[in-house]
Amino acid sequence: MPFTANLGTVYDPEWFRREILPRLAGVKLSEIAEAAGGSKAYPSDIRRGKWMPHVSTWSALAGLISVVVESAAEGADTRIVEPRR
């Protein structure tokens, strides 16, 4: 069940796996490492779905795939907003 984490971001691992994780497949591991921090192996583990990155890094990871994660008000769903072109 999702809950509101720091700065109003909703922590919902299924949402991350469904919306963000598949889009990270084409992102360089070095870019994921810079966004999420951790060891050299950590970005690969994130991309393979072995580890769930901390919710505080989700916006930075989403930025790598050119989407914006809107912080949700309590009780609202987190949404991905495609950037305007």
Protein backbone atom coordinates (compact mmCIF):
# COMPACT_ATOMS: atom_id res chain seq x y z
CA MET A 1 0.00 0.00 0.00
CA PRO A 2 1.41 3.42 -0.93
CA PHE A 3 2.27 5.95 1.75
CA THR A 4 3.42 9.56 1.68
CA ALA A 5 7.16 9.87 2.14
CA ASN A 6 9.36 12.92 2.55
CA LEU A 7 8.48 16.06 0.60
CA GLY A 8 5.04 14.70 -0.31
CA THR A 9 6.31 11.98 -2.63
CA VAL A 10 4.17 8.88 -2.49
CA TYR A 11 6.17 5.70 -1.95
CA ASP A 12 4.58 3.06 -4.14
CA PRO A 13 7.06 0.39 -5.26
CA GLU A 14 4.64 -1.09 -7.80
CA TRP A 15 4.23 2.32 -9.44
CA PHE A 16 8.04 2.67 -9.65
CA ARG A 17 8.38 -0.82 -11.18
CA ARG A 18 5.61 -0.13 -13.68
CA GLU A 19 6.36 3.46 -14.70
CA ILE A 20 10.04 4.25 -14.10
CA LEU A 21 12.00 0.99 -14.10
CA PRO A 22 11.21 -0.09 -17.69
CA ARG A 23 12.27 3.31 -19.00
CA LEU A 24 15.66 3.08 -17.28
CA ALA A 25 16.69 0.20 -19.58
CA GLY A 26 18.24 2.60 -22.08
CA VAL A 27 19.98 4.84 -19.54
CA LYS A 28 23.73 4.54 -18.99
CA LEU A 29 24.69 2.95 -15.68
CA SER A 30 26.97 5.90 -14.94
CA GLU A 31 23.98 8.26 -15.18
CA ILE A 32 21.89 6.08 -12.87
CA ALA A 33 24.83 5.98 -10.42
CA GLU A 34 25.05 9.75 -10.40
CA ALA A 35 21.31 10.12 -9.80
CA ALA A 36 20.91 7.39 -7.19
CA GLY A 37 24.34 7.19 -5.59
CA GLY A 38 25.65 3.96 -4.09
CA SER A 39 28.26 1.48 -5.22
CA LYS A 40 29.30 0.72 -8.79
CA ALA A 41 27.04 -2.35 -8.81
CA TYR A 42 24.01 -0.50 -7.40
CA PRO A 43 22.85 1.10 -10.70
CA SER A 44 22.89 -2.29 -12.40
CA ASP A 45 20.93 -3.79 -9.53
CA ILE A 46 18.35 -0.99 -9.79
CA ARG A 47 17.96 -1.42 -13.53
CA ARG A 48 17.56 -5.21 -13.16
CA GLY A 49 14.95 -4.70 -10.43
CA LYS A 50 17.07 -6.34 -7.74
CA TRP A 51 17.01 -3.26 -5.51
CA MET A 52 14.41 -0.54 -5.04
CA PRO A 53 16.10 2.86 -4.83
CA HIS A 54 15.10 5.18 -2.00
CA VAL A 55 12.06 7.30 -2.81
CA SER A 56 14.16 10.45 -2.42
CA THR A 57 16.01 9.50 -5.65
CA TRP A 58 12.92 8.82 -7.77
CA SER A 59 12.68 12.36 -9.13
CA ALA A 60 16.34 12.32 -10.17
CA LEU A 61 15.93 8.91 -11.82
CA ALA A 62 12.77 10.06 -13.60
CA GLY A 63 14.70 13.10 -14.84
CA LEU A 64 17.07 10.74 -16.67
CA ILE A 65 14.17 9.54 -18.79
CA SER A 66 12.78 13.05 -19.37
CA VAL A 67 9.74 12.81 -17.17
CA VAL A 68 8.76 14.83 -14.14
CA VAL A 69 7.41 13.20 -11.00
CA GLU A 70 4.89 15.49 -9.42
CA SER A 71 4.80 15.38 -5.65
CA ALA A 72 1.36 14.35 -4.57
CA ALA A 73 -0.76 15.92 -1.88
CA GLU A 74 -1.67 13.53 0.90
CA GLY A 75 -4.18 11.02 -0.37
CA ALA A 76 -3.49 11.76 -4.03
CA ASP A 77 -1.71 9.55 -6.52
CA THR A 78 1.79 10.31 -7.78
CA ARG A 79 1.76 11.07 -11.49
CA ILE A 80 4.31 11.12 -14.27
CA VAL A 81 4.05 14.21 -16.40
CA GLU A 82 5.59 14.04 -19.84
CA PRO A 83 7.61 17.17 -20.58
CA ARG A 84 6.18 19.66 -23.01
CA ARG A 85 8.00 19.84 -26.30
